[in-house]
């Protein structure tokens, strides 16, 4: 089982249409073996956006069973 990082990035701007305010992304190209690895990666990702005004990040890790290729 692998853990994957999912994040949402939302911009608070009254000019942007509501349906374009947030973007979500599931990061499949990088997986994590432990919850702690994924948590550290999500904190690091969120910190890259912390200095931007009116930008809000939500991250979480999920475990999925993936077939071996």
N, C-alpha and C. Protein backbone atom coordinates (compact mmCIF):
# COMPACT_ATOMS: atom_id res chain seq x y z
N UNK A 1 0.83 -1.18 0.00
CA UNK A 1 0.00 0.00 0.00
C UNK A 1 0.88 1.25 0.00
N UNK A 2 0.48 2.21 -0.76
CA UNK A 2 1.21 3.47 -0.85
C UNK A 2 0.31 4.60 -0.40
N UNK A 3 0.95 5.69 0.00
CA UNK A 3 0.21 6.90 0.37
C UNK A 3 0.43 7.93 -0.72
N UNK A 4 -0.64 8.65 -1.04
CA UNK A 4 -0.58 9.69 -2.05
C UNK A 4 -1.00 11.01 -1.43
N UNK A 5 -0.44 12.07 -1.94
CA UNK A 5 -0.72 13.42 -1.45
C UNK A 5 -1.75 14.08 -2.34
N UNK A 6 -2.78 14.62 -1.73
CA UNK A 6 -3.83 15.35 -2.44
C UNK A 6 -3.85 16.76 -1.88
N UNK A 7 -3.95 17.74 -2.76
CA UNK A 7 -4.03 19.10 -2.23
C UNK A 7 -4.99 19.96 -3.03
N UNK A 8 -5.53 20.94 -2.33
CA UNK A 8 -6.39 21.96 -2.92
C UNK A 8 -5.72 23.30 -2.72
N UNK A 9 -5.75 24.10 -3.74
CA UNK A 9 -5.24 25.46 -3.67
C UNK A 9 -6.40 26.37 -4.03
N UNK A 10 -6.72 27.29 -3.14
CA UNK A 10 -7.82 28.23 -3.38
C UNK A 10 -7.30 29.65 -3.29
N UNK A 11 -7.83 30.50 -4.14
CA UNK A 11 -7.45 31.91 -4.16
C UNK A 11 -8.67 32.74 -3.80
N UNK A 12 -8.52 33.58 -2.81
CA UNK A 12 -9.60 34.48 -2.39
C UNK A 12 -9.47 35.76 -3.20
N UNK A 13 -10.30 35.87 -4.23
CA UNK A 13 -10.27 37.05 -5.10
C UNK A 13 -11.69 37.26 -5.63
N UNK A 14 -12.31 38.39 -5.36
CA UNK A 14 -13.70 38.60 -5.80
C UNK A 14 -13.86 38.67 -7.31
N UNK A 15 -12.79 38.83 -8.05
CA UNK A 15 -12.88 38.93 -9.51
C UNK A 15 -12.90 37.55 -10.17
N UNK A 16 -12.26 36.57 -9.55
CA UNK A 16 -12.20 35.22 -10.12
C UNK A 16 -13.57 34.55 -9.96
N UNK A 17 -14.12 33.95 -11.02
CA UNK A 17 -15.39 33.24 -10.90
C UNK A 17 -15.27 32.10 -9.87
N UNK A 18 -16.35 31.86 -9.15
CA UNK A 18 -16.34 30.88 -8.08
C UNK A 18 -15.91 29.50 -8.55
N UNK A 19 -16.32 29.10 -9.75
CA UNK A 19 -15.95 27.77 -10.24
C UNK A 19 -14.48 27.67 -10.65
N UNK A 20 -13.76 28.79 -10.62
CA UNK A 20 -12.32 28.78 -10.94
C UNK A 20 -11.47 29.18 -9.73
N UNK A 21 -12.08 29.29 -8.58
CA UNK A 21 -11.39 29.75 -7.39
C UNK A 21 -10.41 28.72 -6.83
N UNK A 22 -10.79 27.45 -6.90
CA UNK A 22 -9.96 26.39 -6.31
C UNK A 22 -9.52 25.39 -7.37
N UNK A 23 -8.34 24.85 -7.18
CA UNK A 23 -7.82 23.78 -8.03
C UNK A 23 -7.39 22.64 -7.13
N UNK A 24 -7.64 21.42 -7.58
CA UNK A 24 -7.20 20.26 -6.80
C UNK A 24 -6.25 19.43 -7.65
N UNK A 25 -5.37 18.73 -6.96
CA UNK A 25 -4.40 17.89 -7.65
C UNK A 25 -4.08 16.68 -6.79
N UNK A 26 -4.07 15.53 -7.42
CA UNK A 26 -3.61 14.31 -6.76
C UNK A 26 -2.24 14.02 -7.35
N UNK A 27 -1.26 13.92 -6.49
CA UNK A 27 0.11 13.71 -6.96
C UNK A 27 0.39 12.21 -7.05
N UNK A 28 0.27 11.66 -8.27
CA UNK A 28 0.49 10.23 -8.48
C UNK A 28 1.95 9.89 -8.74
N UNK A 29 2.71 10.85 -9.23
CA UNK A 29 4.09 10.53 -9.61
C UNK A 29 5.01 10.39 -8.40
N UNK A 30 4.52 10.71 -7.22
CA UNK A 30 5.29 10.56 -5.99
C UNK A 30 4.40 9.90 -4.96
N UNK A 31 4.84 8.76 -4.43
CA UNK A 31 4.07 8.10 -3.38
C UNK A 31 4.97 7.97 -2.15
N UNK A 32 4.35 7.68 -1.04
CA UNK A 32 5.06 7.63 0.23
C UNK A 32 4.78 6.30 0.91
N UNK A 33 5.78 5.80 1.62
CA UNK A 33 5.64 4.51 2.29
C UNK A 33 5.03 4.62 3.67
N UNK A 34 5.13 5.79 4.27
CA UNK A 34 4.59 5.97 5.62
C UNK A 34 3.77 7.25 5.68
N UNK A 35 2.91 7.29 6.68
CA UNK A 35 2.10 8.49 6.89
C UNK A 35 2.98 9.69 7.23
N UNK A 36 4.04 9.46 7.98
CA UNK A 36 4.93 10.57 8.36
C UNK A 36 5.64 11.16 7.14
N UNK A 37 6.09 10.33 6.21
CA UNK A 37 6.71 10.84 4.98
C UNK A 37 5.73 11.74 4.22
N UNK A 38 4.50 11.27 4.10
CA UNK A 38 3.49 12.04 3.37
C UNK A 38 3.16 13.33 4.11
N UNK A 39 3.06 13.27 5.42
CA UNK A 39 2.78 14.47 6.21
C UNK A 39 3.87 15.51 6.02
N UNK A 40 5.13 15.09 6.07
CA UNK A 40 6.24 16.04 5.88
C UNK A 40 6.18 16.67 4.49
N UNK A 41 5.87 15.86 3.48
CA UNK A 41 5.77 16.39 2.11
C UNK A 41 4.62 17.38 2.00
N UNK A 42 3.51 17.11 2.67
CA UNK A 42 2.38 18.04 2.58
C UNK A 42 2.69 19.36 3.29
N UNK A 43 3.40 19.30 4.40
CA UNK A 43 3.82 20.53 5.09
C UNK A 43 4.77 21.34 4.20
N UNK A 44 5.72 20.65 3.59
CA UNK A 44 6.68 21.33 2.71
C UNK A 44 5.96 21.98 1.53
N UNK A 45 5.00 21.28 0.94
CA UNK A 45 4.24 21.84 -0.17
C UNK A 45 3.45 23.06 0.28
N UNK A 46 2.76 22.97 1.39
CA UNK A 46 1.97 24.09 1.88
C UNK A 46 2.84 25.30 2.18
N UNK A 47 4.03 25.08 2.71
CA UNK A 47 4.91 26.19 3.05
C UNK A 47 5.36 26.97 1.83
N UNK A 48 5.39 26.34 0.66
CA UNK A 48 5.79 27.07 -0.55
C UNK A 48 4.78 28.13 -0.94
N UNK A 49 3.55 28.02 -0.43
CA UNK A 49 2.49 28.98 -0.76
C UNK A 49 2.14 29.91 0.40
N UNK A 50 2.70 29.68 1.57
CA UNK A 50 2.31 30.44 2.76
C UNK A 50 2.57 31.94 2.65
N UNK A 51 3.55 32.34 1.87
CA UNK A 51 3.88 33.76 1.78
C UNK A 51 3.04 34.50 0.73
N UNK A 52 2.19 33.77 0.01
CA UNK A 52 1.35 34.40 -1.01
C UNK A 52 0.07 34.93 -0.37
N UNK A 53 -0.29 36.17 -0.64
CA UNK A 53 -1.53 36.70 -0.06
C UNK A 53 -2.77 36.06 -0.70
N UNK A 54 -3.78 35.84 0.11
CA UNK A 54 -5.08 35.34 -0.35
C UNK A 54 -5.04 33.97 -1.00
N UNK A 55 -4.01 33.18 -0.69
CA UNK A 55 -3.90 31.81 -1.19
C UNK A 55 -4.02 30.87 0.00
N UNK A 56 -4.88 29.87 -0.16
CA UNK A 56 -5.12 28.93 0.93
C UNK A 56 -4.92 27.51 0.42
N UNK A 57 -4.20 26.74 1.20
CA UNK A 57 -3.85 25.36 0.82
C UNK A 57 -4.46 24.40 1.84
N UNK A 58 -5.02 23.32 1.34
CA UNK A 58 -5.44 22.20 2.17
C UNK A 58 -4.80 20.95 1.60
N UNK A 59 -4.15 20.18 2.44
CA UNK A 59 -3.51 18.95 1.97
C UNK A 59 -3.97 17.79 2.85
N UNK A 60 -3.95 16.62 2.28
CA UNK A 60 -4.12 15.42 3.08
C UNK A 60 -3.52 14.24 2.35
N UNK A 61 -3.26 13.20 3.10
CA UNK A 61 -2.67 11.98 2.55
C UNK A 61 -3.72 10.88 2.58
N UNK A 62 -3.71 10.06 1.56
CA UNK A 62 -4.65 8.95 1.50
C UNK A 62 -3.89 7.68 1.12
N UNK A 63 -4.35 6.58 1.63
CA UNK A 63 -3.73 5.29 1.33
C UNK A 63 -4.61 4.56 0.32
N UNK A 64 -3.99 4.09 -0.72
CA UNK A 64 -4.70 3.31 -1.73
C UNK A 64 -3.88 2.08 -2.06
N UNK A 65 -4.57 1.01 -2.32
CA UNK A 65 -3.90 -0.21 -2.79
C UNK A 65 -3.72 -0.05 -4.29
N UNK A 66 -2.49 -0.16 -4.75
CA UNK A 66 -2.21 0.00 -6.17
C UNK A 66 -1.63 -1.30 -6.71
N UNK A 67 -2.00 -1.68 -7.92
CA UNK A 67 -1.45 -2.90 -8.50
C UNK A 67 0.03 -2.69 -8.84
N UNK A 68 0.77 -3.74 -8.67
CA UNK A 68 2.19 -3.68 -9.06
C UNK A 68 2.28 -3.77 -10.58
N UNK A 69 3.08 -2.88 -11.17
CA UNK A 69 3.22 -2.86 -12.63
C UNK A 69 4.50 -3.53 -13.01
